[in-house]
Amino acid sequence: MELFEEIRRGHAAGETIQGLATKHGIHRRMVRQAISAAVPPARKKPAREKPRLGPIRDQIEQILLLDLEAPRKQRHTAHRIWTRLRAEHPEYPVGEPTVRRYVSQRKRDLA
């Protein structure tokens, strides 16, 4: 935000786009964006698919839904889910950290 204000002040004072870009160490495109708008444009985060987790996501969901009804001490941990998936579906290699992140997020969503 401060950079955009500084660029706008410099441009109003008569500095060139190329001069501002060199001075601040940024691309000329960003200088033009700063001149046209006071607020930087929002960055778009691309929606990524999860190719490793996709085929076994339904099994994880099923385990987590059954765990909601189970007593607290009998619920699956993320590691236990990963071990079970590795044993039941060896054709889908998925890493433990991937399963951990997904299970953590889903448990928060389900609670």
PDB file of N, CA and C in Angstrom:
ATOM      1  N   MET A   1       0.832  -1.187   0.000  1.00  0.00           N
ATOM      2  CA  MET A   1       0.000   0.000   0.000  1.00  0.00           C
ATOM      3  C   MET A   1       0.878   1.253   0.000  1.00  0.00           C
ATOM      4  N   GLU A   2       1.899   1.289   0.867  1.00  0.00           N
ATOM      5  CA  GLU A   2       2.770   2.465   0.916  1.00  0.00           C
ATOM      6  C   GLU A   2       3.519   2.623  -0.394  1.00  0.00           C
ATOM      7  N   LEU A   3       3.903   1.485  -0.989  1.00  0.00           N
ATOM      8  CA  LEU A   3       4.621   1.530  -2.257  1.00  0.00           C
ATOM      9  C   LEU A   3       3.743   2.154  -3.335  1.00  0.00           C
ATOM     10  N   PHE A   4       2.476   1.754  -3.370  1.00  0.00           N
ATOM     11  CA  PHE A   4       1.570   2.317  -4.369  1.00  0.00           C
ATOM     12  C   PHE A   4       1.411   3.815  -4.163  1.00  0.00           C
ATOM     13  N   GLU A   5       1.305   4.264  -2.922  1.00  0.00           N
ATOM     14  CA  GLU A   5       1.174   5.701  -2.648  1.00  0.00           C
ATOM     15  C   GLU A   5       2.428   6.447  -3.091  1.00  0.00           C
ATOM     16  N   GLU A   6       3.584   5.868  -2.802  1.00  0.00           N
ATOM     17  CA  GLU A   6       4.841   6.497  -3.176  1.00  0.00           C
ATOM     18  C   GLU A   6       4.973   6.586  -4.699  1.00  0.00           C
ATOM     19  N   ILE A   7       4.557   5.539  -5.385  1.00  0.00           N
ATOM     20  CA  ILE A   7       4.608   5.545  -6.849  1.00  0.00           C
ATOM     21  C   ILE A   7       3.657   6.610  -7.402  1.00  0.00           C
ATOM     22  N   ARG A   8       2.459   6.693  -6.827  1.00  0.00           N
ATOM     23  CA  ARG A   8       1.483   7.683  -7.310  1.00  0.00           C
ATOM     24  C   ARG A   8       1.992   9.112  -7.080  1.00  0.00           C
ATOM     25  N   ARG A   9       2.626   9.342  -5.938  1.00  0.00           N
ATOM     26  CA  ARG A   9       3.184  10.675  -5.670  1.00  0.00           C
ATOM     27  C   ARG A   9       4.312  10.992  -6.653  1.00  0.00           C
ATOM     28  N   GLY A  10       5.155   9.995  -6.916  1.00  0.00           N
ATOM     29  CA  GLY A  10       6.253  10.193  -7.853  1.00  0.00           C
ATOM     30  C   GLY A  10       5.753  10.485  -9.260  1.00  0.00           C
ATOM     31  N   HIS A  11       4.722   9.778  -9.669  1.00  0.00           N
ATOM     32  CA  HIS A  11       4.154   9.997 -11.000  1.00  0.00           C
ATOM     33  C   HIS A  11       3.512  11.375 -11.094  1.00  0.00           C
ATOM     34  N   ALA A  12       2.844  11.789 -10.029  1.00  0.00           N
ATOM     35  CA  ALA A  12       2.231  13.123 -10.014  1.00  0.00           C
ATOM     36  C   ALA A  12       3.301  14.212 -10.061  1.00  0.00           C
ATOM     37  N   ALA A  13       4.489  13.908  -9.524  1.00  0.00           N
ATOM     38  CA  ALA A  13       5.580  14.878  -9.523  1.00  0.00           C
ATOM     39  C   ALA A  13       6.294  14.930 -10.869  1.00  0.00           C
ATOM     40  N   GLY A  14       5.933  14.012 -11.776  1.00  0.00           N
ATOM     41  CA  GLY A  14       6.496  14.069 -13.115  1.00  0.00           C
ATOM     42  C   GLY A  14       7.500  12.989 -13.439  1.00  0.00           C
ATOM     43  N   GLU A  15       7.704  12.017 -12.563  1.00  0.00           N
ATOM     44  CA  GLU A  15       8.640  10.934 -12.864  1.00  0.00           C
ATOM     45  C   GLU A  15       8.025  10.001 -13.906  1.00  0.00           C
ATOM     46  N   THR A  16       8.881   9.369 -14.706  1.00  0.00           N
ATOM     47  CA  THR A  16       8.397   8.458 -15.735  1.00  0.00           C
ATOM     48  C   THR A  16       8.114   7.079 -15.150  1.00  0.00           C
ATOM     49  N   ILE A  17       7.369   6.303 -15.906  1.00  0.00           N
ATOM     50  CA  ILE A  17       7.040   4.948 -15.467  1.00  0.00           C
ATOM     51  C   ILE A  17       8.319   4.115 -15.358  1.00  0.00           C
ATOM     52  N   GLN A  18       9.176   4.225 -16.362  1.00  0.00           N
ATOM     53  CA  GLN A  18      10.420   3.459 -16.337  1.00  0.00           C
ATOM     54  C   GLN A  18      11.323   3.917 -15.193  1.00  0.00           C
ATOM     55  N   GLY A  19      11.349   5.217 -14.930  1.00  0.00           N
ATOM     56  CA  GLY A  19      12.158   5.727 -13.829  1.00  0.00           C
ATOM     57  C   GLY A  19      11.661   5.244 -12.480  1.00  0.00           C
ATOM     58  N   LEU A  20      10.333   5.224 -12.309  1.00  0.00           N
ATOM     59  CA  LEU A  20       9.748   4.726 -11.056  1.00  0.00           C
ATOM     60  C   LEU A  20      10.027   3.234 -10.880  1.00  0.00           C
ATOM     61  N   ALA A  21       9.934   2.485 -11.983  1.00  0.00           N
ATOM     62  CA  ALA A  21      10.184   1.046 -11.908  1.00  0.00           C
ATOM     63  C   ALA A  21      11.631   0.781 -11.494  1.00  0.00           C
ATOM     64  N   THR A  22      12.555   1.515 -12.057  1.00  0.00           N
ATOM     65  CA  THR A  22      13.964   1.337 -11.716  1.00  0.00           C
ATOM     66  C   THR A  22      14.230   1.759 -10.273  1.00  0.00           C
ATOM     67  N   LYS A  23      13.643   2.866  -9.878  1.00  0.00           N
ATOM     68  CA  LYS A  23      13.851   3.403  -8.532  1.00  0.00           C
ATOM     69  C   LYS A  23      13.372   2.427  -7.448  1.00  0.00           C
ATOM     70  N   HIS A  24      12.221   1.817  -7.672  1.00  0.00           N
ATOM     71  CA  HIS A  24      11.630   0.929  -6.660  1.00  0.00           C
ATOM     72  C   HIS A  24      11.973  -0.538  -6.887  1.00  0.00           C
ATOM     73  N   GLY A  25      12.609  -0.841  -8.012  1.00  0.00           N
ATOM     74  CA  GLY A  25      13.007  -2.221  -8.278  1.00  0.00           C
ATOM     75  C   GLY A  25      11.837  -3.138  -8.582  1.00  0.00           C
ATOM     76  N   ILE A  26      10.856  -2.630  -9.301  1.00  0.00           N
ATOM     77  CA  ILE A  26       9.669  -3.416  -9.647  1.00  0.00           C
ATOM     78  C   ILE A  26       9.456  -3.351 -11.151  1.00  0.00           C
ATOM     79  N   HIS A  27       8.510  -4.119 -11.643  1.00  0.00           N
ATOM     80  CA  HIS A  27       8.206  -4.158 -13.066  1.00  0.00           C
ATOM     81  C   HIS A  27       7.361  -2.943 -13.455  1.00  0.00           C
ATOM     82  N   ARG A  28       7.501  -2.529 -14.715  1.00  0.00           N
ATOM     83  CA  ARG A  28       6.723  -1.377 -15.196  1.00  0.00           C
ATOM     84  C   ARG A  28       5.225  -1.648 -15.119  1.00  0.00           C
ATOM     85  N   ARG A  29       4.835  -2.916 -15.258  1.00  0.00           N
ATOM     86  CA  ARG A  29       3.416  -3.277 -15.171  1.00  0.00           C
ATOM     87  C   ARG A  29       2.850  -2.908 -13.799  1.00  0.00           C
ATOM     88  N   MET A  30       3.639  -3.144 -12.757  1.00  0.00           N
ATOM     89  CA  MET A  30       3.179  -2.817 -11.411  1.00  0.00           C
ATOM     90  C   MET A  30       3.084  -1.306 -11.223  1.00  0.00           C
ATOM     91  N   VAL A  31       3.982  -0.554 -11.849  1.00  0.00           N
ATOM     92  CA  VAL A  31       3.906   0.907 -11.769  1.00  0.00           C
ATOM     93  C   VAL A  31       2.614   1.376 -12.421  1.00  0.00           C
ATOM     94  N   ARG A  32       2.273   0.808 -13.560  1.00  0.00           N
ATOM     95  CA  ARG A  32       1.010   1.174 -14.233  1.00  0.00           C
ATOM     96  C   ARG A  32      -0.204   0.815 -13.376  1.00  0.00           C
ATOM     97  N   GLN A  33      -0.146  -0.321 -12.694  1.00  0.00           N
ATOM     98  CA  GLN A  33      -1.246  -0.711 -11.799  1.00  0.00           C
ATOM     99  C   GLN A  33      -1.377   0.293 -10.663  1.00  0.00           C
ATOM    100  N   ALA A  34      -0.254   0.754 -10.135  1.00  0.00           N
ATOM    101  CA  ALA A  34      -0.280   1.712  -9.028  1.00  0.00           C
ATOM    102  C   ALA A  34      -0.836   3.050  -9.491  1.00  0.00           C
ATOM    103  N   ILE A  35      -0.523   3.436 -10.704  1.00  0.00           N
ATOM    104  CA  ILE A  35      -1.024   4.710 -11.227  1.00  0.00           C
ATOM    105  C   ILE A  35      -2.524   4.634 -11.473  1.00  0.00           C
ATOM    106  N   SER A  36      -2.999   3.493 -11.957  1.00  0.00           N
ATOM    107  CA  SER A  36      -4.423   3.367 -12.290  1.00  0.00           C
ATOM    108  C   SER A  36      -5.307   3.157 -11.064  1.00  0.00           C
ATOM    109  N   ALA A  37      -4.797   2.550 -10.001  1.00  0.00           N
ATOM    110  CA  ALA A  37      -5.616   2.279  -8.817  1.00  0.00           C
ATOM    111  C   ALA A  37      -4.773   2.437  -7.559  1.00  0.00           C
ATOM    112  N   ALA A  38      -5.391   2.960  -6.497  1.00  0.00           N
ATOM    113  CA  ALA A  38      -4.671   3.191  -5.247  1.00  0.00           C
ATOM    114  C   ALA A  38      -4.449   1.903  -4.451  1.00  0.00           C
ATOM    115  N   VAL A  39      -5.258   0.896  -4.752  1.00  0.00           N
ATOM    116  CA  VAL A  39      -5.173  -0.364  -4.020  1.00  0.00           C
ATOM    117  C   VAL A  39      -4.644  -1.439  -4.959  1.00  0.00           C
ATOM    118  N   PRO A  40      -3.671  -2.246  -4.523  1.00  0.00           N
ATOM    119  CA  PRO A  40      -3.172  -3.318  -5.382  1.00  0.00           C
ATOM    120  C   PRO A  40      -4.279  -4.315  -5.718  1.00  0.00           C
ATOM    121  N   PRO A  41      -4.256  -4.887  -6.929  1.00  0.00           N
ATOM    122  CA  PRO A  41      -5.295  -5.860  -7.276  1.00  0.00           C
ATOM    123  C   PRO A  41      -5.154  -7.120  -6.432  1.00  0.00           C
ATOM    124  N   ALA A  42      -6.282  -7.735  -6.149  1.00  0.00           N
ATOM    125  CA  ALA A  42      -6.278  -8.968  -5.350  1.00  0.00           C
ATOM    126  C   ALA A  42      -5.632 -10.093  -6.151  1.00  0.00           C
ATOM    127  N   ARG A  43      -4.813 -10.875  -5.482  1.00  0.00           N
ATOM    128  CA  ARG A  43      -4.174 -11.998  -6.154  1.00  0.00           C
ATOM    129  C   ARG A  43      -5.143 -13.166  -6.225  1.00  0.00           C
ATOM    130  N   LYS A  44      -5.139 -13.805  -7.354  1.00  0.00           N
ATOM    131  CA  LYS A  44      -6.016 -14.953  -7.543  1.00  0.00           C
ATOM    132  C   LYS A  44      -5.259 -16.222  -7.170  1.00  0.00           C
ATOM    133  N   LYS A  45      -5.811 -16.969  -6.248  1.00  0.00           N
ATOM    134  CA  LYS A  45      -5.198 -18.231  -5.860  1.00  0.00           C
ATOM    135  C   LYS A  45      -5.841 -19.324  -6.709  1.00  0.00           C
ATOM    136  N   PRO A  46      -5.054 -20.022  -7.519  1.00  0.00           N
ATOM    137  CA  PRO A  46      -5.644 -21.030  -8.396  1.00  0.00           C
ATOM    138  C   PRO A  46      -6.200 -22.205  -7.599  1.00  0.00           C
ATOM    139  N   ALA A  47      -7.349 -22.670  -8.039  1.00  0.00           N
ATOM    140  CA  ALA A  47      -7.955 -23.839  -7.402  1.00  0.00           C
ATOM    141  C   ALA A  47      -7.205 -25.070  -7.880  1.00  0.00           C
ATOM    142  N   ARG A  48      -6.561 -25.752  -6.955  1.00  0.00           N
ATOM    143  CA  ARG A  48      -5.773 -26.925  -7.309  1.00  0.00           C
ATOM    144  C   ARG A  48      -6.538 -28.185  -6.946  1.00  0.00           C
ATOM    145  N   GLU A  49      -6.458 -29.134  -7.823  1.00  0.00           N
ATOM    146  CA  GLU A  49      -7.068 -30.417  -7.496  1.00  0.00           C
ATOM    147  C   GLU A  49      -6.047 -31.265  -6.746  1.00  0.00           C
ATOM    148  N   LYS A  50      -6.535 -32.247  -6.047  1.00  0.00           N
ATOM    149  CA  LYS A  50      -5.663 -33.104  -5.257  1.00  0.00           C
ATOM    150  C   LYS A  50      -5.654 -34.488  -5.906  1.00  0.00           C
ATOM    151  N   PRO A  51      -4.731 -34.731  -6.846  1.00  0.00           N
ATOM    152  CA  PRO A  51      -4.769 -35.985  -7.593  1.00  0.00           C
ATOM    153  C   PRO A  51      -4.493 -37.226  -6.744  1.00  0.00           C
ATOM    154  N   ARG A  52      -3.662 -37.112  -5.709  1.00  0.00           N
ATOM    155  CA  ARG A  52      -3.348 -38.283  -4.885  1.00  0.00           C
ATOM    156  C   ARG A  52      -4.487 -38.596  -3.926  1.00  0.00           C
ATOM    157  N   LEU A  53      -5.115 -37.553  -3.407  1.00  0.00           N
ATOM    158  CA  LEU A  53      -6.140 -37.737  -2.387  1.00  0.00           C
ATOM    159  C   LEU A  53      -7.524 -37.985  -2.992  1.00  0.00           C
ATOM    160  N   GLY A  54      -7.717 -37.568  -4.228  1.00  0.00           N
ATOM    161  CA  GLY A  54      -9.026 -37.650  -4.874  1.00  0.00           C
ATOM    162  C   GLY A  54      -9.700 -39.005  -4.813  1.00  0.00           C
ATOM    163  N   PRO A  55      -9.026 -40.078  -5.254  1.00  0.00           N
ATOM    164  CA  PRO A  55      -9.703 -41.378  -5.299  1.00  0.00           C
ATOM    165  C   PRO A  55     -10.061 -41.950  -3.928  1.00  0.00           C
ATOM    166  N   ILE A  56      -9.361 -41.544  -2.867  1.00  0.00           N
ATOM    167  CA  ILE A  56      -9.633 -42.138  -1.553  1.00  0.00           C
ATOM    168  C   ILE A  56     -10.318 -41.168  -0.600  1.00  0.00           C
ATOM    169  N   ARG A  57     -10.709 -40.017  -1.101  1.00  0.00           N
ATOM    170  CA  ARG A  57     -11.359 -39.027  -0.244  1.00  0.00           C
ATOM    171  C   ARG A  57     -12.668 -39.565   0.344  1.00  0.00           C
ATOM    172  N   ASP A  58     -13.407 -40.338  -0.454  1.00  0.00           N
ATOM    173  CA  ASP A  58     -14.680 -40.887   0.037  1.00  0.00           C
ATOM    174  C   ASP A  58     -14.465 -41.843   1.214  1.00  0.00           C
ATOM    175  N   GLN A  59     -13.406 -42.641   1.158  1.00  0.00           N
ATOM    176  CA  GLN A  59     -13.127 -43.556   2.268  1.00  0.00           C
ATOM    177  C   GLN A  59     -12.781 -42.782   3.534  1.00  0.00           C
ATOM    178  N   ILE A  60     -12.020 -41.716   3.387  1.00  0.00           N
ATOM    179  CA  ILE A  60     -11.668 -40.898   4.556  1.00  0.00           C
ATOM    180  C   ILE A  60     -12.919 -40.268   5.145  1.00  0.00           C
ATOM    181  N   GLU A  61     -13.779 -39.750   4.283  1.00  0.00           N
ATOM    182  CA  GLU A  61     -15.039 -39.147   4.750  1.00  0.00           C
ATOM    183  C   GLU A  61     -15.875 -40.164   5.512  1.00  0.00           C
ATOM    184  N   GLN A  62     -15.949 -41.360   4.982  1.00  0.00           N
ATOM    185  CA  GLN A  62     -16.737 -42.407   5.631  1.00  0.00           C
ATOM    186  C   GLN A  62     -16.171 -42.727   7.015  1.00  0.00           C
ATOM    187  N   ILE A  63     -14.859 -42.835   7.114  1.00  0.00           N
ATOM    188  CA  ILE A  63     -14.221 -43.117   8.410  1.00  0.00           C
ATOM    189  C   ILE A  63     -14.527 -41.991   9.399  1.00  0.00           C
ATOM    190  N   LEU A  64     -14.405 -40.741   8.942  1.00  0.00           N
ATOM    191  CA  LEU A  64     -14.628 -39.605   9.844  1.00  0.00           C
ATOM    192  C   LEU A  64     -16.083 -39.499  10.279  1.00  0.00           C
ATOM    193  N   LEU A  65     -17.011 -39.825   9.381  1.00  0.00           N
ATOM    194  CA  LEU A  65     -18.427 -39.770   9.754  1.00  0.00           C
ATOM    195  C   LEU A  65     -18.765 -40.867  10.765  1.00  0.00           C
ATOM    196  N   LEU A  66     -18.176 -42.030  10.601  1.00  0.00           N
ATOM    197  CA  LEU A  66     -18.402 -43.104  11.578  1.00  0.00           C
ATOM    198  C   LEU A  66     -17.768 -42.742  12.923  1.00  0.00           C
ATOM    199  N   ASP A  67     -16.664 -42.023  12.885  1.00  0.00           N
ATOM    200  CA  ASP A  67     -15.997 -41.612  14.130  1.00  0.00           C
ATOM    201  C   ASP A  67     -16.822 -40.614  14.934  1.00  0.00           C
ATOM    202  N   LEU A  68     -17.700 -39.893  14.269  1.00  0.00           N
ATOM    203  CA  LEU A  68     -18.538 -38.927  15.004  1.00  0.00           C
ATOM    204  C   LEU A  68     -19.450 -39.638  16.001  1.00  0.00           C
ATOM    205  N   GLU A  69     -19.860 -40.857  15.654  1.00  0.00           N
ATOM    206  CA  GLU A  69     -20.757 -41.619  16.527  1.00  0.00           C
ATOM    207  C   GLU A  69     -19.999 -42.492  17.525  1.00  0.00           C
ATOM    208  N   ALA A  70     -18.712 -42.706  17.287  1.00  0.00           N
ATOM    209  CA  ALA A  70     -17.920 -43.587  18.146  1.00  0.00           C
ATOM    210  C   ALA A  70     -17.517 -42.859  19.431  1.00  0.00           C
ATOM    211  N   PRO A  71     -17.256 -43.610  20.491  1.00  0.00           N
ATOM    212  CA  PRO A  71     -16.730 -42.995  21.711  1.00  0.00           C
ATOM    213  C   PRO A  71     -15.385 -42.313  21.436  1.00  0.00           C
ATOM    214  N   ARG A  72     -15.056 -41.338  22.215  1.00  0.00           N
ATOM    215  CA  ARG A  72     -13.877 -40.510  21.979  1.00  0.00           C
ATOM    216  C   ARG A  72     -12.598 -41.325  21.878  1.00  0.00           C
ATOM    217  N   LYS A  73     -12.440 -42.311  22.750  1.00  0.00           N
ATOM    218  CA  LYS A  73     -11.214 -43.102  22.772  1.00  0.00           C
ATOM    219  C   LYS A  73     -11.102 -44.093  21.608  1.00  0.00           C
ATOM    220  N   GLN A  74     -12.198 -44.292  20.885  1.00  0.00           N
ATOM    221  CA  GLN A  74     -12.180 -45.260  19.788  1.00  0.00           C
ATOM    222  C   GLN A  74     -12.100 -44.595  18.419  1.00  0.00           C
ATOM    223  N   ARG A  75     -11.949 -43.289  18.379  1.00  0.00           N
ATOM    224  CA  ARG A  75     -11.898 -42.579  17.100  1.00  0.00           C
ATOM    225  C   ARG A  75     -10.532 -42.745  16.443  1.00  0.00           C
ATOM    226  N   HIS A  76     -10.517 -42.628  15.124  1.00  0.00           N
ATOM    227  CA  HIS A  76      -9.281 -42.772  14.357  1.00  0.00           C
ATOM    228  C   HIS A  76      -8.440 -41.503  14.437  1.00  0.00           C
ATOM    229  N   THR A  77      -7.155 -41.680  14.567  1.00  0.00           N
ATOM    230  CA  THR A  77      -6.230 -40.560  14.421  1.00  0.00           C
ATOM    231  C   THR A  77      -5.871 -40.471  12.939  1.00  0.00           C
ATOM    232  N   ALA A  78      -5.250 -39.373  12.554  1.00  0.00           N
ATOM    233  CA  ALA A  78      -4.849 -39.214  11.161  1.00  0.00           C
ATOM    234  C   ALA A  78      -3.846 -40.294  10.756  1.00  0.00           C
ATOM    235  N   HIS A  79      -2.940 -40.619  11.664  1.00  0.00           N
ATOM    236  CA  HIS A  79      -1.957 -41.667  11.371  1.00  0.00           C
ATOM    237  C   HIS A  79      -2.654 -43.013  11.176  1.00  0.00           C
ATOM    238  N   ARG A  80      -3.625 -43.300  12.012  1.00  0.00           N
ATOM    239  CA  ARG A  80      -4.355 -44.575  11.910  1.00  0.00           C
ATOM    240  C   ARG A  80      -5.147 -44.636  10.607  1.00  0.00           C
ATOM    241  N   ILE A  81      -5.728 -43.523  10.193  1.00  0.00           N
ATOM    242  CA  ILE A  81      -6.449 -43.476   8.914  1.00  0.00           C
ATOM    243  C   ILE A  81      -5.479 -43.746   7.769  1.00  0.00           C
ATOM    244  N   TRP A  82      -4.304 -43.115   7.821  1.00  0.00           N
ATOM    245  CA  TRP A  82      -3.306 -43.310   6.771  1.00  0.00           C
ATOM    246  C   TRP A  82      -2.852 -44.772   6.716  1.00  0.00           C
ATOM    247  N   THR A  83      -2.621 -45.376   7.881  1.00  0.00           N
ATOM    248  CA  THR A  83      -2.206 -46.780   7.935  1.00  0.00           C
ATOM    249  C   THR A  83      -3.286 -47.680   7.345  1.00  0.00           C
ATOM    250  N   ARG A  84      -4.517 -47.395   7.691  1.00  0.00           N
ATOM    251  CA  ARG A  84      -5.626 -48.191   7.194  1.00  0.00           C
ATOM    252  C   ARG A  84      -5.789 -48.049   5.669  1.00  0.00           C
ATOM    253  N   LEU A  85      -5.643 -46.838   5.170  1.00  0.00           N
ATOM    254  CA  LEU A  85      -5.737 -46.608   3.726  1.00  0.00           C
ATOM    255  C   LEU A  85      -4.612 -47.327   2.988  1.00  0.00           C
ATOM    256  N   ARG A  86      -3.418 -47.291   3.559  1.00  0.00           N
ATOM    257  CA  ARG A  86      -2.275 -47.946   2.939  1.00  0.00           C
ATOM    258  C   ARG A  86      -2.496 -49.455   2.872  1.00  0.00           C
ATOM    259  N   ALA A  87      -3.139 -50.014   3.906  1.00  0.00           N
ATOM    260  CA  ALA A  87      -3.386 -51.460   3.930  1.00  0.00           C
ATOM    261  C   ALA A  87      -4.540 -51.852   2.998  1.00  0.00           C
ATOM    262  N   GLU A  88      -5.609 -51.046   2.995  1.00  0.00           N
ATOM    263  CA  GLU A  88      -6.799 -51.389   2.221  1.00  0.00           C
ATOM    264  C   GLU A  88      -6.693 -50.990   0.753  1.00  0.00           C
ATOM    265  N   HIS A  89      -5.954 -49.923   0.457  1.00  0.00           N
ATOM    266  CA  HIS A  89      -5.854 -49.419  -0.922  1.00  0.00           C
ATOM    267  C   HIS A  89      -4.394 -49.169  -1.303  1.00  0.00           C
ATOM    268  N   PRO A  90      -3.609 -50.228  -1.473  1.00  0.00           N
ATOM    269  CA  PRO A  90      -2.192 -50.022  -1.825  1.00  0.00           C
ATOM    270  C   PRO A  90      -2.007 -49.445  -3.226  1.00  0.00           C
ATOM    271  N   GLU A  91      -3.060 -49.522  -4.051  1.00  0.00           N
ATOM    272  CA  GLU A  91      -2.954 -48.998  -5.417  1.00  0.00           C
ATOM    273  C   GLU A  91      -2.980 -47.466  -5.460  1.00  0.00           C
ATOM    274  N   TYR A  92      -3.350 -46.819  -4.340  1.00  0.00           N
ATOM    275  CA  TYR A  92      -3.366 -45.354  -4.259  1.00  0.00           C
ATOM    276  C   TYR A  92      -2.304 -44.894  -3.261  1.00  0.00           C
ATOM    277  N   PRO A  93      -1.081 -44.670  -3.712  1.00  0.00           N
ATOM    278  CA  PRO A  93      -0.036 -44.214  -2.779  1.00  0.00           C
ATOM    279  C   PRO A  93      -0.277 -42.755  -2.393  1.00  0.00           C
ATOM    280  N   VAL A  94      -0.452 -42.527  -1.118  1.00  0.00           N
ATOM    281  CA  VAL A  94      -0.663 -41.166  -0.627  1.00  0.00           C
ATOM    282  C   VAL A  94       0.211 -40.986   0.612  1.00  0.00           C
ATOM    283  N   GLY A  95       0.784 -39.815   0.755  1.00  0.00           N
ATOM    284  CA  GLY A  95       1.684 -39.559   1.873  1.00  0.00           C
ATOM    285  C   GLY A  95       0.940 -39.272   3.159  1.00  0.00           C
ATOM    286  N   GLU A  96       1.587 -39.584   4.253  1.00  0.00           N
ATOM    287  CA  GLU A  96       0.975 -39.342   5.563  1.00  0.00           C
ATOM    288  C   GLU A  96       0.693 -37.861   5.807  1.00  0.00           C
ATOM    289  N   PRO A  97       1.609 -36.933   5.462  1.00  0.00           N
ATOM    290  CA  PRO A  97       1.303 -35.520   5.698  1.00  0.00           C
ATOM    291  C   PRO A  97       0.083 -35.038   4.922  1.00  0.00           C
ATOM    292  N   THR A  98      -0.137 -35.582   3.731  1.00  0.00           N
ATOM    293  CA  THR A  98      -1.303 -35.216   2.939  1.00  0.00           C
ATOM    294  C   THR A  98      -2.575 -35.634   3.658  1.00  0.00           C
ATOM    295  N   VAL A  99      -2.572 -36.864   4.162  1.00  0.00           N
ATOM    296  CA  VAL A  99      -3.744 -37.363   4.894  1.00  0.00           C
ATOM    297  C   VAL A  99      -3.926 -36.569   6.178  1.00  0.00           C
ATOM    298  N   ARG A 100      -2.841 -36.261   6.870  1.00  0.00           N
ATOM    299  CA  ARG A 100      -2.924 -35.499   8.115  1.00  0.00           C
ATOM    300  C   ARG A 100      -3.581 -34.136   7.897  1.00  0.00           C
ATOM    301  N   ARG A 101      -3.124 -33.421   6.863  1.00  0.00           N
ATOM    302  CA  ARG A 101      -3.688 -32.093   6.589  1.00  0.00           C
ATOM    303  C   ARG A 101      -5.172 -32.179   6.257  1.00  0.00           C
ATOM    304  N   TYR A 102      -5.521 -33.156   5.414  1.00  0.00           N
ATOM    305  CA  TYR A 102      -6.924 -33.291   5.012  1.00  0.00           C
ATOM    306  C   TYR A 102      -7.806 -33.664   6.199  1.00  0.00           C
ATOM    307  N   VAL A 103      -7.359 -34.633   6.998  1.00  0.00           N
ATOM    308  CA  VAL A 103      -8.146 -35.072   8.166  1.00  0.00           C
ATOM    309  C   VAL A 103      -8.276 -33.923   9.167  1.00  0.00           C
ATOM    310  N   SER A 104      -7.226 -33.190   9.378  1.00  0.00           N
ATOM    311  CA  SER A 104      -7.284 -32.057  10.303  1.00  0.00           C
ATOM    312  C   SER A 104      -8.321 -31.033   9.855  1.00  0.00           C
ATOM    313  N   GLN A 105      -8.298 -30.702   8.577  1.00  0.00           N
ATOM    314  CA  GLN A 105      -9.257 -29.731   8.047  1.00  0.00           C
ATOM    315  C   GLN A 105     -10.689 -30.256   8.143  1.00  0.00           C
ATOM    316  N   ARG A 106     -10.888 -31.492   7.764  1.00  0.00           N
ATOM    317  CA  ARG A 106     -12.248 -32.071   7.782  1.00  0.00           C
ATOM    318  C   ARG A 106     -12.788 -32.211   9.206  1.00  0.00           C
ATOM    319  N   LYS A 107     -11.924 -32.559  10.165  1.00  0.00           N
ATOM    320  CA  LYS A 107     -12.392 -32.658  11.554  1.00  0.00           C
ATOM    321  C   LYS A 107     -12.847 -31.297  12.053  1.00  0.00           C
ATOM    322  N   ARG A 108     -12.131 -30.239  11.663  1.00  0.00           N
ATOM    323  CA  ARG A 108     -12.563 -28.881  12.046  1.00  0.00           C
ATOM    324  C   ARG A 108     -13.886 -28.522  11.391  1.00  0.00           C
ATOM    325  N   ASP A 109     -14.069 -28.929  10.137  1.00  0.00           N
ATOM    326  CA  ASP A 109     -15.309 -28.621   9.420  1.00  0.00           C
ATOM    327  C   ASP A 109     -16.497 -29.394   9.998  1.00  0.00           C
ATOM    328  N   LEU A 110     -16.251 -30.633  10.396  1.00  0.00           N
ATOM    329  CA  LEU A 110     -17.343 -31.468  10.905  1.00  0.00           C
ATOM    330  C   LEU A 110     -17.741 -31.108  12.341  1.00  0.00           C
ATOM    331  N   ALA A 111     -16.824 -30.555  13.092  1.00  0.00           N
ATOM    332  CA  ALA A 111     -17.106 -30.229  14.496  1.00  0.00           C
ATOM    333  C   ALA A 111     -17.979 -29.003  14.648  1.00  0.00           C
TER     334      ALA A 111
END
